[in-house]
């Protein structure tokens, strides 16, 4: 869950704290490029695009999740899904250095793709892999990790931590930490027995 539905909740909440700083960054960047400041309604429009990129990416991720789960398997799909977060973290982490607010928009899109994939494949993987007696409890952990991500995102977004004016790029890039944890831990987990039997026809591995 740490690299799955946790990311969904975490990335929803971390964008709230630095909103005013990012809008100021957009205005300052545009002023440096053109010599003309942006009007407040244009800044708000750009901010709306930035926020909307996340659910747009989520829709993309949800659409590709099904084919990914069948072609690559549940576990491999979750592992490859972390690539989207690593790309997103790189873009947002270096956006201020590159003086490009477009990198933040693109970063939010890739973050959304990650969320869309994980919200579909993680519950599938858990439900298919859990022992019968624990299946209900294990399936509910998807919601638990979403809530945990929301809470931790709010905590990390405090000004005393990473939500300050100078540290907001690190806040947006902090989602790479759960991705690295999953990349380290998930290879040791088994593949879904249902996938092995039905999609690959590998009865021996399934057993």
Protein backbone atom coordinates (compact mmCIF):
# COMPACT_ATOMS: atom_id res chain seq x y z
CA UNK A 1 0.00 0.00 0.00
CA UNK A 2 2.88 2.43 0.64
CA UNK A 3 3.55 2.73 -3.09
CA UNK A 4 -0.09 2.30 -4.07
CA UNK A 5 -3.14 3.99 -2.58
CA UNK A 6 -0.90 5.82 -0.09
CA UNK A 7 0.45 7.82 -3.04
CA UNK A 8 -3.08 8.77 -4.06
CA UNK A 9 -3.92 10.26 -0.66
CA UNK A 10 -0.49 11.80 -0.15
CA UNK A 11 -0.43 13.58 -3.51
CA UNK A 12 -3.93 14.97 -3.03
CA UNK A 13 -2.94 16.72 0.21
CA UNK A 14 0.63 17.94 -0.44
CA UNK A 15 -0.47 20.37 -3.16
CA UNK A 16 -2.59 22.42 -0.72
CA UNK A 17 0.11 23.92 1.50
CA UNK A 18 2.35 25.52 -1.16
CA UNK A 19 -0.53 26.84 -3.33
CA UNK A 20 0.20 30.53 -2.72
CA UNK A 21 3.97 30.04 -3.16
CA UNK A 22 3.52 28.21 -6.47
CA UNK A 23 1.18 30.93 -7.76
CA UNK A 24 3.79 33.56 -6.81
CA UNK A 25 6.43 31.46 -8.57
CA UNK A 26 4.27 31.37 -11.72
CA UNK A 27 3.88 35.15 -11.68
CA UNK A 28 7.58 35.79 -11.00
CA UNK A 29 8.65 33.37 -13.73
CA UNK A 30 6.36 34.96 -16.28
CA UNK A 31 7.60 38.43 -15.28
CA UNK A 32 11.22 37.35 -15.83
CA UNK A 33 10.36 35.87 -19.23
CA UNK A 34 8.26 38.67 -20.67
CA UNK A 35 8.74 41.69 -18.40
CA UNK A 36 4.98 41.80 -17.82
CA UNK A 37 3.30 40.39 -14.67
CA UNK A 38 0.33 38.06 -14.97
CA UNK A 39 -3.14 39.22 -14.05
CA UNK A 40 -4.67 37.56 -11.00
CA UNK A 41 -7.30 35.73 -13.06
CA UNK A 42 -4.59 34.32 -15.37
CA UNK A 43 -2.59 33.10 -12.36
CA UNK A 44 -5.75 31.44 -11.06
CA UNK A 45 -6.31 29.82 -14.47
CA UNK A 46 -2.75 28.45 -14.55
CA UNK A 47 -3.19 27.15 -11.01
CA UNK A 48 -6.44 25.48 -12.08
CA UNK A 49 -4.59 23.74 -14.92
CA UNK A 50 -1.94 22.56 -12.44
CA UNK A 51 -4.52 21.10 -10.06
CA UNK A 52 -6.61 19.61 -12.91
CA UNK A 53 -3.60 17.81 -14.35
CA UNK A 54 -3.72 15.35 -11.41
CA UNK A 55 -7.22 13.91 -12.08
CA UNK A 56 -6.52 13.98 -15.83
CA UNK A 57 -3.48 11.81 -15.19
CA UNK A 58 -5.61 9.66 -12.90
CA UNK A 59 -8.05 9.03 -15.75
CA UNK A 60 -5.17 8.05 -18.03
CA UNK A 61 -3.76 5.72 -15.38
CA UNK A 62 -7.15 4.11 -14.78
CA UNK A 63 -7.56 3.44 -18.51
CA UNK A 64 -4.13 1.78 -18.91
CA UNK A 65 -4.30 -0.13 -15.60
CA UNK A 66 -6.37 -3.01 -17.00
CA UNK A 67 -4.10 -3.82 -19.96
CA UNK A 68 -1.03 -3.38 -17.73
CA UNK A 69 -2.37 -5.84 -15.13
CA UNK A 70 -2.99 -8.50 -17.81
CA UNK A 71 0.17 -8.02 -19.91
CA UNK A 72 2.70 -7.40 -17.13
CA UNK A 73 1.08 -8.92 -14.08
CA UNK A 74 -0.11 -7.22 -10.92
CA UNK A 75 3.24 -7.05 -9.16
CA UNK A 76 5.27 -5.90 -12.17
CA UNK A 77 2.63 -3.25 -12.98
CA UNK A 78 2.91 -1.83 -9.45
CA UNK A 79 6.70 -1.82 -9.71
CA UNK A 80 6.73 -0.06 -13.09
CA UNK A 81 4.11 2.37 -11.84
CA UNK A 82 6.76 3.91 -9.58
CA UNK A 83 8.56 5.20 -12.69
CA UNK A 84 5.77 7.78 -13.12
CA UNK A 85 6.36 9.08 -9.58
CA UNK A 86 10.13 9.25 -10.06
CA UNK A 87 9.64 11.29 -13.25
CA UNK A 88 7.11 13.52 -11.45
CA UNK A 89 9.40 14.06 -8.45
CA UNK A 90 12.31 14.98 -10.73
CA UNK A 91 10.19 17.51 -12.64
CA UNK A 92 8.72 19.20 -9.56
CA UNK A 93 11.97 19.08 -7.59
CA UNK A 94 13.90 20.95 -10.29
CA UNK A 95 11.05 23.23 -11.47
CA UNK A 96 12.20 26.28 -9.50
CA UNK A 97 15.81 25.79 -10.53
CA UNK A 98 14.72 25.54 -14.18
CA UNK A 99 12.30 28.48 -13.71
CA UNK A 100 9.50 26.50 -15.32
CA UNK A 101 6.02 26.23 -13.82
CA UNK A 102 5.09 24.00 -16.79
CA UNK A 103 7.26 21.30 -15.17
CA UNK A 104 4.96 21.36 -12.14
CA UNK A 105 1.90 20.84 -14.37
CA UNK A 106 3.58 17.91 -16.12
CA UNK A 107 4.69 16.54 -12.76
CA UNK A 108 1.11 16.57 -11.46
CA UNK A 109 -0.04 14.74 -14.59
CA UNK A 110 2.50 11.92 -14.09
CA UNK A 111 1.60 11.78 -10.40
CA UNK A 112 -2.03 11.34 -11.43
CA UNK A 113 -1.13 8.51 -13.81
CA UNK A 114 0.57 6.76 -10.89
CA UNK A 115 -2.52 7.21 -8.72
CA UNK A 116 -4.86 5.94 -11.44
CA UNK A 117 -2.83 2.77 -11.93
CA UNK A 118 -2.31 2.07 -8.23
CA UNK A 119 -5.95 2.67 -7.26
CA UNK A 120 -6.97 -0.08 -9.69
CA UNK A 121 -4.16 -2.62 -9.48
CA UNK A 122 -3.29 -2.54 -5.78
CA UNK A 123 -6.76 -3.67 -4.56
CA UNK A 124 -6.76 -6.29 -7.34
CA UNK A 125 -3.36 -7.61 -6.30
CA UNK A 126 -4.29 -7.71 -2.61
CA UNK A 127 -7.66 -9.41 -3.15
CA UNK A 128 -6.11 -12.07 -5.39
CA UNK A 129 -3.10 -12.72 -3.15
CA UNK A 130 -4.58 -12.65 0.35
CA UNK A 131 -5.49 -15.88 2.18
CA UNK A 132 -9.23 -16.54 2.12
CA UNK A 133 -9.71 -15.89 5.84
CA UNK A 134 -7.91 -12.54 5.66
CA UNK A 135 -9.18 -11.36 2.28
CA UNK A 136 -11.73 -8.87 3.63
CA UNK A 137 -9.32 -7.30 6.11
CA UNK A 138 -6.50 -7.12 3.58
CA UNK A 139 -8.73 -5.54 0.93
CA UNK A 140 -9.70 -2.79 3.40
CA UNK A 141 -6.06 -1.74 3.79
CA UNK A 142 -6.34 0.10 0.46
CA UNK A 143 -8.64 2.64 2.12
CA UNK A 144 -6.43 2.74 5.22
CA UNK A 145 -3.36 3.64 3.19
CA UNK A 146 -5.30 6.33 1.33
CA UNK A 147 -6.27 7.92 4.65
CA UNK A 148 -2.70 7.57 5.96
CA UNK A 149 -1.41 9.32 2.84
CA UNK A 150 -3.86 12.20 3.33
CA UNK A 151 -2.80 12.67 6.95
CA UNK A 152 0.95 12.45 6.31
CA UNK A 153 0.63 14.81 3.36
CA UNK A 154 -0.95 17.42 5.63
CA UNK A 155 1.73 16.90 8.29
CA UNK A 156 4.69 17.08 5.88
CA UNK A 157 3.07 20.16 4.32
CA UNK A 158 3.36 22.17 7.53
CA UNK A 159 5.49 25.31 7.15
CA UNK A 160 7.83 24.04 9.88
CA UNK A 161 8.59 20.98 7.77
CA UNK A 162 8.44 21.13 3.94
CA UNK A 163 5.56 23.55 3.36
CA UNK A 164 7.65 26.73 3.58
CA UNK A 165 8.39 29.23 0.84
CA UNK A 166 11.87 27.85 0.19
CA UNK A 167 11.13 24.15 0.62
CA UNK A 168 7.96 23.58 -1.44
CA UNK A 169 9.83 21.91 -4.37
CA UNK A 170 11.09 19.31 -1.88
CA UNK A 171 7.52 18.83 -0.64
CA UNK A 172 6.25 18.11 -4.14
CA UNK A 173 9.21 15.77 -4.77
CA UNK A 174 8.82 13.92 -1.44
CA UNK A 175 6.47 11.40 -3.07
CA UNK A 176 9.59 9.68 -4.42
CA UNK A 177 10.26 8.25 -0.93
CA UNK A 178 7.24 5.88 -0.85
CA UNK A 179 8.06 4.90 -4.44
CA UNK A 180 11.61 3.92 -3.47
CA UNK A 181 10.30 1.96 -0.46
CA UNK A 182 7.99 -0.03 -2.73
CA UNK A 183 10.72 -0.59 -5.32
CA UNK A 184 12.86 -2.05 -2.53
CA UNK A 185 10.21 -4.20 -0.83
CA UNK A 186 7.77 -5.36 -3.52
CA UNK A 187 10.21 -7.58 -5.50
CA UNK A 188 10.24 -9.91 -2.47
CA UNK A 189 6.45 -10.37 -2.64
CA UNK A 190 4.80 -13.15 -4.67
CA UNK A 191 2.87 -12.60 -7.89
CA UNK A 192 -0.93 -12.90 -7.84
CA UNK A 193 -1.93 -16.61 -8.02
CA UNK A 194 -4.99 -15.72 -10.13
CA UNK A 195 -2.81 -13.94 -12.69
CA UNK A 196 -0.39 -16.86 -12.86
CA UNK A 197 -3.17 -19.40 -13.41
CA UNK A 198 -5.72 -17.58 -15.58
CA UNK A 199 -3.63 -15.07 -17.57
CA UNK A 200 -0.40 -17.05 -17.88
CA UNK A 201 -1.69 -20.62 -17.55
CA UNK A 202 1.12 -21.44 -15.12
CA UNK A 203 -0.59 -23.85 -12.72
CA UNK A 204 2.64 -24.92 -11.03
CA UNK A 205 3.67 -21.35 -10.08
CA UNK A 206 0.11 -20.63 -8.97
CA UNK A 207 0.14 -23.58 -6.54
